[in-house]
Amino acid sequence: MKNKLNLVVSAVLFLIATSVSATPIETISFLGGNRGVAESFEFSSGGIGLTVSAWTTNVNDEQTELMPWQLLSGDNGVYHGSTGLGVVSSASDGADLDGGSSGNFASDPDEGLLFVFSEQVNLLAFTAGDLSDNDDINFSRVSLLDADSLDADNLFVDRNDGDDHYQLSSDAFGYAFMLWVDGNDDDVRIASLEFSTVPEPYTLLLLAMGLLLCRFKLYGR
């Protein structure tokens, strides 16, 4: 009987591990045609939708948030160009994702791109372009409070020179993520995202329950 129980437990663990490892990696590229500026852009891959919007904040050199995140609208928003996504936050602002001056939020804010998926994903990596050796990119997991407010937890700050592929930690699970910059000399584009779907826990639970029923049948014999 003990051997049969061990067999059932091993089967559950194997099927769960197989389900997770078999999840395909999806890639959404933002390269290509020039679509200009919009309040948001829609993308999809593997049946999962993605909405991208533009936000601003004000963070000083000590990583203290001086102003809450604010959603851009009207003539300002996400810029979708041939080399990727950027942000236009004012009539005088360029089209890249660029940081601002902590002492001049009104005309030169820190900018971010908010990526909201239609279902929970594991965000695996992103590619940034137009990088120089002084560009820092911040990655945050986001909690949406309502349509135009959010909380963002800073996870890391990284830098590199040229086009760069950022591999994220294995626990970047969620629905919403922010890529943003806060240095006055930061100036980048976001070229692509890589993600995988998160296995439906209820499906795995039902699978486990089914195997446990098999276990009880084994006990009954």
C-alpha atoms as a PDB file:
ATOM      1  CA  MET A   1       0.000   0.000   0.000  1.00  0.00           C
ATOM      2  CA  LYS A   2       2.847   2.381   0.827  1.00  0.00           C
ATOM      3  CA  ASN A   3       4.386   1.795  -2.593  1.00  0.00           C
ATOM      4  CA  LYS A   4       1.065   2.604  -4.258  1.00  0.00           C
ATOM      5  CA  LEU A   5       0.767   5.842  -2.277  1.00  0.00           C
ATOM      6  CA  ASN A   6       4.300   6.843  -3.224  1.00  0.00           C
ATOM      7  CA  LEU A   7       3.426   6.163  -6.844  1.00  0.00           C
ATOM      8  CA  VAL A   8       0.393   8.460  -6.664  1.00  0.00           C
ATOM      9  CA  VAL A   9       2.364  11.289  -5.019  1.00  0.00           C
ATOM     10  CA  SER A  10       5.147  10.940  -7.582  1.00  0.00           C
ATOM     11  CA  ALA A  11       2.611  11.102 -10.405  1.00  0.00           C
ATOM     12  CA  VAL A  12       1.086  14.316  -9.008  1.00  0.00           C
ATOM     13  CA  LEU A  13       4.487  15.983  -8.729  1.00  0.00           C
ATOM     14  CA  PHE A  14       5.484  14.826 -12.198  1.00  0.00           C
ATOM     15  CA  LEU A  15       2.335  16.117 -13.866  1.00  0.00           C
ATOM     16  CA  ILE A  16       2.568  19.496 -12.123  1.00  0.00           C
ATOM     17  CA  ALA A  17       6.227  19.874 -13.085  1.00  0.00           C
ATOM     18  CA  THR A  18       5.462  18.830 -16.667  1.00  0.00           C
ATOM     19  CA  SER A  19       2.626  21.371 -16.909  1.00  0.00           C
ATOM     20  CA  VAL A  20       4.882  24.200 -15.723  1.00  0.00           C
ATOM     21  CA  SER A  21       7.870  23.273 -17.880  1.00  0.00           C
ATOM     22  CA  ALA A  22       5.701  22.825 -20.980  1.00  0.00           C
ATOM     23  CA  THR A  23       4.379  26.386 -20.821  1.00  0.00           C
ATOM     24  CA  PRO A  24       5.547  28.123 -24.020  1.00  0.00           C
ATOM     25  CA  ILE A  25       7.453  31.392 -23.940  1.00  0.00           C
ATOM     26  CA  GLU A  26       5.616  34.225 -25.705  1.00  0.00           C
ATOM     27  CA  THR A  27       7.371  37.251 -27.207  1.00  0.00           C
ATOM     28  CA  ILE A  28       5.774  40.575 -28.099  1.00  0.00           C
ATOM     29  CA  SER A  29       7.945  42.811 -30.255  1.00  0.00           C
ATOM     30  CA  PHE A  30       7.364  46.552 -30.375  1.00  0.00           C
ATOM     31  CA  LEU A  31       9.657  47.092 -33.363  1.00  0.00           C
ATOM     32  CA  GLY A  32       8.394  47.956 -36.823  1.00  0.00           C
ATOM     33  CA  GLY A  33       6.024  50.603 -38.083  1.00  0.00           C
ATOM     34  CA  ASN A  34       5.559  54.056 -36.617  1.00  0.00           C
ATOM     35  CA  ARG A  35       2.112  54.370 -35.018  1.00  0.00           C
ATOM     36  CA  GLY A  36       2.741  57.695 -33.313  1.00  0.00           C
ATOM     37  CA  VAL A  37       1.370  58.743 -29.918  1.00  0.00           C
ATOM     38  CA  ALA A  38      -1.725  57.335 -28.194  1.00  0.00           C
ATOM     39  CA  GLU A  39      -3.057  57.093 -24.654  1.00  0.00           C
ATOM     40  CA  SER A  40      -2.563  53.322 -24.916  1.00  0.00           C
ATOM     41  CA  PHE A  41      -1.699  50.564 -27.376  1.00  0.00           C
ATOM     42  CA  GLU A  42      -3.029  47.004 -27.510  1.00  0.00           C
ATOM     43  CA  PHE A  43      -0.982  43.900 -28.311  1.00  0.00           C
ATOM     44  CA  SER A  44      -1.489  40.144 -27.999  1.00  0.00           C
ATOM     45  CA  SER A  45       0.407  36.862 -28.159  1.00  0.00           C
ATOM     46  CA  GLY A  46      -0.672  33.313 -27.430  1.00  0.00           C
ATOM     47  CA  GLY A  47      -4.214  34.425 -26.673  1.00  0.00           C
ATOM     48  CA  ILE A  48      -3.078  36.850 -23.953  1.00  0.00           C
ATOM     49  CA  GLY A  49      -3.826  40.553 -24.358  1.00  0.00           C
ATOM     50  CA  LEU A  50      -1.470  43.361 -23.359  1.00  0.00           C
ATOM     51  CA  THR A  51      -2.335  47.027 -22.821  1.00  0.00           C
ATOM     52  CA  VAL A  52       0.478  49.587 -22.625  1.00  0.00           C
ATOM     53  CA  SER A  53      -0.058  53.057 -21.151  1.00  0.00           C
ATOM     54  CA  ALA A  54       2.255  55.924 -20.174  1.00  0.00           C
ATOM     55  CA  TRP A  55       2.772  57.330 -16.679  1.00  0.00           C
ATOM     56  CA  THR A  56       4.938  59.917 -14.940  1.00  0.00           C
ATOM     57  CA  THR A  57       6.354  60.300 -11.452  1.00  0.00           C
ATOM     58  CA  ASN A  58       9.095  62.220  -9.642  1.00  0.00           C
ATOM     59  CA  VAL A  59      11.872  60.263  -7.888  1.00  0.00           C
ATOM     60  CA  ASN A  60      15.009  61.826  -6.413  1.00  0.00           C
ATOM     61  CA  ASP A  61      18.562  60.455  -6.245  1.00  0.00           C
ATOM     62  CA  GLU A  62      17.754  58.567  -3.023  1.00  0.00           C
ATOM     63  CA  GLN A  63      14.927  56.687  -4.815  1.00  0.00           C
ATOM     64  CA  THR A  64      12.321  58.582  -2.767  1.00  0.00           C
ATOM     65  CA  GLU A  65       9.044  59.104  -4.597  1.00  0.00           C
ATOM     66  CA  LEU A  66       8.248  62.826  -4.462  1.00  0.00           C
ATOM     67  CA  MET A  67       5.130  62.644  -6.642  1.00  0.00           C
ATOM     68  CA  PRO A  68       2.679  59.748  -7.111  1.00  0.00           C
ATOM     69  CA  TRP A  69       2.358  58.071 -10.470  1.00  0.00           C
ATOM     70  CA  GLN A  70       0.077  59.952 -12.888  1.00  0.00           C
ATOM     71  CA  LEU A  71      -1.528  58.614 -16.069  1.00  0.00           C
ATOM     72  CA  LEU A  72      -0.829  60.561 -19.276  1.00  0.00           C
ATOM     73  CA  SER A  73      -3.731  61.342 -21.586  1.00  0.00           C
ATOM     74  CA  GLY A  74      -4.824  63.653 -24.378  1.00  0.00           C
ATOM     75  CA  ASP A  75      -1.969  64.590 -26.711  1.00  0.00           C
ATOM     76  CA  ASN A  76       0.534  62.835 -24.442  1.00  0.00           C
ATOM     77  CA  GLY A  77       1.021  59.118 -23.933  1.00  0.00           C
ATOM     78  CA  VAL A  78       2.796  56.098 -25.372  1.00  0.00           C
ATOM     79  CA  TYR A  79       4.943  56.602 -28.454  1.00  0.00           C
ATOM     80  CA  HIS A  80       5.171  53.566 -30.747  1.00  0.00           C
ATOM     81  CA  GLY A  81       8.017  54.023 -33.203  1.00  0.00           C
ATOM     82  CA  SER A  82      10.092  51.769 -35.423  1.00  0.00           C
ATOM     83  CA  THR A  83      12.674  51.180 -32.662  1.00  0.00           C
ATOM     84  CA  GLY A  84      10.197  50.440 -29.882  1.00  0.00           C
ATOM     85  CA  LEU A  85       8.067  52.134 -27.249  1.00  0.00           C
ATOM     86  CA  GLY A  86       8.725  55.474 -25.588  1.00  0.00           C
ATOM     87  CA  VAL A  87       6.756  58.184 -23.798  1.00  0.00           C
ATOM     88  CA  VAL A  88       5.745  61.708 -24.792  1.00  0.00           C
ATOM     89  CA  SER A  89       4.885  63.608 -21.609  1.00  0.00           C
ATOM     90  CA  SER A  90       4.644  67.192 -22.938  1.00  0.00           C
ATOM     91  CA  ALA A  91       4.676  69.219 -26.141  1.00  0.00           C
ATOM     92  CA  SER A  92       8.429  69.766 -25.759  1.00  0.00           C
ATOM     93  CA  ASP A  93       9.301  66.193 -24.750  1.00  0.00           C
ATOM     94  CA  GLY A  94      11.074  63.746 -27.036  1.00  0.00           C
ATOM     95  CA  ALA A  95       9.677  60.345 -27.961  1.00  0.00           C
ATOM     96  CA  ASP A  96      12.005  58.172 -25.864  1.00  0.00           C
ATOM     97  CA  LEU A  97      11.382  56.846 -22.368  1.00  0.00           C
ATOM     98  CA  ASP A  98      13.408  59.411 -20.450  1.00  0.00           C
ATOM     99  CA  GLY A  99      14.020  60.493 -16.885  1.00  0.00           C
ATOM    100  CA  GLY A 100      13.588  63.976 -15.524  1.00  0.00           C
ATOM    101  CA  SER A 101      14.806  66.407 -12.932  1.00  0.00           C
ATOM    102  CA  SER A 102      13.486  65.920  -9.397  1.00  0.00           C
ATOM    103  CA  GLY A 103      13.349  69.709  -9.040  1.00  0.00           C
ATOM    104  CA  ASN A 104      11.279  70.273 -12.175  1.00  0.00           C
ATOM    105  CA  PHE A 105       8.449  67.727 -12.279  1.00  0.00           C
ATOM    106  CA  ALA A 106       5.990  69.973 -14.133  1.00  0.00           C
ATOM    107  CA  SER A 107       8.066  70.181 -17.322  1.00  0.00           C
ATOM    108  CA  ASP A 108      10.537  67.290 -16.921  1.00  0.00           C
ATOM    109  CA  PRO A 109       9.044  64.271 -15.080  1.00  0.00           C
ATOM    110  CA  ASP A 110      10.340  60.730 -14.765  1.00  0.00           C
ATOM    111  CA  GLU A 111       8.541  58.510 -17.274  1.00  0.00           C
ATOM    112  CA  GLY A 112       7.267  54.943 -17.199  1.00  0.00           C
ATOM    113  CA  LEU A 113       5.488  52.427 -19.403  1.00  0.00           C
ATOM    114  CA  LEU A 114       2.818  50.334 -17.696  1.00  0.00           C
ATOM    115  CA  PHE A 115       2.253  46.849 -19.147  1.00  0.00           C
ATOM    116  CA  VAL A 116      -1.053  45.246 -18.101  1.00  0.00           C
ATOM    117  CA  PHE A 117      -1.790  41.652 -19.175  1.00  0.00           C
ATOM    118  CA  SER A 118      -5.252  40.151 -19.549  1.00  0.00           C
ATOM    119  CA  GLU A 119      -4.258  37.269 -17.262  1.00  0.00           C
ATOM    120  CA  GLN A 120      -1.502  36.500 -14.810  1.00  0.00           C
ATOM    121  CA  VAL A 121       1.893  35.879 -16.406  1.00  0.00           C
ATOM    122  CA  ASN A 122       5.484  35.241 -15.468  1.00  0.00           C
ATOM    123  CA  LEU A 123       7.410  38.134 -17.022  1.00  0.00           C
ATOM    124  CA  LEU A 124      10.710  36.583 -18.075  1.00  0.00           C
ATOM    125  CA  ALA A 125      12.665  39.311 -19.865  1.00  0.00           C
ATOM    126  CA  PHE A 126      12.552  42.566 -21.780  1.00  0.00           C
ATOM    127  CA  THR A 127      14.780  44.134 -24.404  1.00  0.00           C
ATOM    128  CA  ALA A 128      15.718  47.813 -24.341  1.00  0.00           C
ATOM    129  CA  GLY A 129      17.253  49.832 -27.149  1.00  0.00           C
ATOM    130  CA  ASP A 130      18.952  53.198 -27.640  1.00  0.00           C
ATOM    131  CA  LEU A 131      20.929  52.548 -24.447  1.00  0.00           C
ATOM    132  CA  SER A 132      24.097  54.335 -23.423  1.00  0.00           C
ATOM    133  CA  ASP A 133      26.442  53.479 -20.563  1.00  0.00           C
ATOM    134  CA  ASN A 134      24.723  55.953 -18.209  1.00  0.00           C
ATOM    135  CA  ASP A 135      21.152  54.706 -18.741  1.00  0.00           C
ATOM    136  CA  ASP A 136      19.384  53.016 -15.810  1.00  0.00           C
ATOM    137  CA  ILE A 137      16.132  51.104 -16.267  1.00  0.00           C
ATOM    138  CA  ASN A 138      13.872  50.371 -13.307  1.00  0.00           C
ATOM    139  CA  PHE A 139      11.515  47.392 -13.192  1.00  0.00           C
ATOM    140  CA  SER A 140       8.538  47.403 -10.821  1.00  0.00           C
ATOM    141  CA  ARG A 141       5.677  45.078 -10.058  1.00  0.00           C
ATOM    142  CA  VAL A 142       2.462  47.125  -9.937  1.00  0.00           C
ATOM    143  CA  SER A 143      -0.801  47.025  -8.003  1.00  0.00           C
ATOM    144  CA  LEU A 144      -3.581  48.877  -9.823  1.00  0.00           C
ATOM    145  CA  LEU A 145      -5.655  50.894  -7.353  1.00  0.00           C
ATOM    146  CA  ASP A 146      -8.145  52.274  -9.886  1.00  0.00           C
ATOM    147  CA  ALA A 147      -8.192  53.527 -13.474  1.00  0.00           C
ATOM    148  CA  ASP A 148      -5.636  56.298 -12.915  1.00  0.00           C
ATOM    149  CA  SER A 149      -3.656  55.399  -9.782  1.00  0.00           C
ATOM    150  CA  LEU A 150      -1.266  52.623  -8.806  1.00  0.00           C
ATOM    151  CA  ASP A 151       1.371  51.400  -6.383  1.00  0.00           C
ATOM    152  CA  ALA A 152       4.738  50.305  -7.802  1.00  0.00           C
ATOM    153  CA  ASP A 153       7.402  48.379  -5.906  1.00  0.00           C
ATOM    154  CA  ASN A 154      10.929  48.887  -7.193  1.00  0.00           C
ATOM    155  CA  LEU A 155      12.658  45.541  -7.719  1.00  0.00           C
ATOM    156  CA  PHE A 156      15.975  46.475  -9.303  1.00  0.00           C
ATOM    157  CA  VAL A 157      17.941  49.074 -11.214  1.00  0.00           C
ATOM    158  CA  ASP A 158      20.246  47.922 -14.008  1.00  0.00           C
ATOM    159  CA  ARG A 159      22.398  49.472 -16.702  1.00  0.00           C
ATOM    160  CA  ASN A 160      24.249  48.513 -19.853  1.00  0.00           C
ATOM    161  CA  ASP A 161      25.540  49.870 -23.150  1.00  0.00           C
ATOM    162  CA  GLY A 162      23.745  49.403 -26.470  1.00  0.00           C
ATOM    163  CA  ASP A 163      20.782  47.088 -27.071  1.00  0.00           C
ATOM    164  CA  ASP A 164      20.300  44.964 -23.979  1.00  0.00           C
ATOM    165  CA  HIS A 165      18.274  41.914 -23.025  1.00  0.00           C
ATOM    166  CA  TYR A 166      17.260  42.008 -19.371  1.00  0.00           C
ATOM    167  CA  GLN A 167      16.570  38.601 -17.821  1.00  0.00           C
ATOM    168  CA  LEU A 168      14.255  38.897 -14.813  1.00  0.00           C
ATOM    169  CA  SER A 169      14.143  36.818 -11.655  1.00  0.00           C
ATOM    170  CA  SER A 170      12.030  33.663 -11.750  1.00  0.00           C
ATOM    171  CA  ASP A 171       9.345  35.092  -9.433  1.00  0.00           C
ATOM    172  CA  ALA A 172       8.181  38.016 -11.594  1.00  0.00           C
ATOM    173  CA  PHE A 173       4.542  36.904 -11.515  1.00  0.00           C
ATOM    174  CA  GLY A 174       1.627  39.294 -11.890  1.00  0.00           C
ATOM    175  CA  TYR A 175      -0.771  41.149 -14.137  1.00  0.00           C
ATOM    176  CA  ALA A 176       0.890  44.587 -14.271  1.00  0.00           C
ATOM    177  CA  PHE A 177       4.504  45.750 -14.516  1.00  0.00           C
ATOM    178  CA  MET A 178       6.209  49.109 -14.952  1.00  0.00           C
ATOM    179  CA  LEU A 179       9.420  49.822 -16.854  1.00  0.00           C
ATOM    180  CA  TRP A 180      10.591  53.328 -15.997  1.00  0.00           C
ATOM    181  CA  VAL A 181      13.565  55.657 -15.751  1.00  0.00           C
ATOM    182  CA  ASP A 182      14.402  58.337 -13.205  1.00  0.00           C
ATOM    183  CA  GLY A 183      17.794  59.768 -14.182  1.00  0.00           C
ATOM    184  CA  ASN A 184      17.976  63.129 -15.936  1.00  0.00           C
ATOM    185  CA  ASP A 185      20.232  61.545 -18.572  1.00  0.00           C
ATOM    186  CA  ASP A 186      18.245  58.301 -19.024  1.00  0.00           C
ATOM    187  CA  ASP A 187      16.884  57.959 -22.568  1.00  0.00           C
ATOM    188  CA  VAL A 188      15.759  54.541 -23.904  1.00  0.00           C
ATOM    189  CA  ARG A 189      13.165  52.585 -25.902  1.00  0.00           C
ATOM    190  CA  ILE A 190      11.490  49.298 -24.955  1.00  0.00           C
ATOM    191  CA  ALA A 191      11.817  46.874 -27.869  1.00  0.00           C
ATOM    192  CA  SER A 192      10.167  43.639 -26.675  1.00  0.00           C
ATOM    193  CA  LEU A 193       8.803  41.570 -23.777  1.00  0.00           C
ATOM    194  CA  GLU A 194       9.048  37.837 -23.081  1.00  0.00           C
ATOM    195  CA  PHE A 195       6.593  36.068 -20.789  1.00  0.00           C
ATOM    196  CA  SER A 196       4.912  32.758 -20.096  1.00  0.00           C
ATOM    197  CA  THR A 197       1.443  31.970 -18.848  1.00  0.00           C
ATOM    198  CA  VAL A 198       0.916  30.824 -15.273  1.00  0.00           C
ATOM    199  CA  PRO A 199      -0.656  27.337 -15.039  1.00  0.00           C
ATOM    200  CA  GLU A 200      -4.212  27.560 -13.756  1.00  0.00           C
ATOM    201  CA  PRO A 201      -4.045  26.437 -10.103  1.00  0.00           C
ATOM    202  CA  TYR A 202      -7.564  25.059 -10.149  1.00  0.00           C
ATOM    203  CA  THR A 203      -6.690  22.800 -13.076  1.00  0.00           C
ATOM    204  CA  LEU A 204      -3.733  21.416 -11.175  1.00  0.00           C
ATOM    205  CA  LEU A 205      -5.876  21.054  -8.065  1.00  0.00           C
ATOM    206  CA  LEU A 206      -8.502  19.057  -9.943  1.00  0.00           C
ATOM    207  CA  LEU A 207      -5.774  16.888 -11.368  1.00  0.00           C
ATOM    208  CA  ALA A 208      -4.394  16.233  -7.899  1.00  0.00           C
ATOM    209  CA  MET A 209      -7.875  15.458  -6.564  1.00  0.00           C
ATOM    210  CA  GLY A 210      -8.448  12.984  -9.360  1.00  0.00           C
ATOM    211  CA  LEU A 211      -5.251  11.178  -8.518  1.00  0.00           C
ATOM    212  CA  LEU A 212      -6.185  11.137  -4.847  1.00  0.00           C
ATOM    213  CA  LEU A 213      -9.466   9.456  -5.784  1.00  0.00           C
ATOM    214  CA  CYS A 214      -7.405   6.844  -7.553  1.00  0.00           C
ATOM    215  CA  ARG A 215      -5.477   6.438  -4.327  1.00  0.00           C
ATOM    216  CA  PHE A 216      -8.676   5.745  -2.366  1.00  0.00           C
ATOM    217  CA  LYS A 217      -9.682   3.165  -4.943  1.00  0.00           C
ATOM    218  CA  LEU A 218      -6.329   1.507  -4.463  1.00  0.00           C
ATOM    219  CA  TYR A 219      -6.912   1.440  -0.698  1.00  0.00           C
ATOM    220  CA  GLY A 220     -10.274  -0.186  -1.275  1.00  0.00           C
ATOM    221  CA  ARG A 221      -8.769  -3.127  -3.113  1.00  0.00           C
END
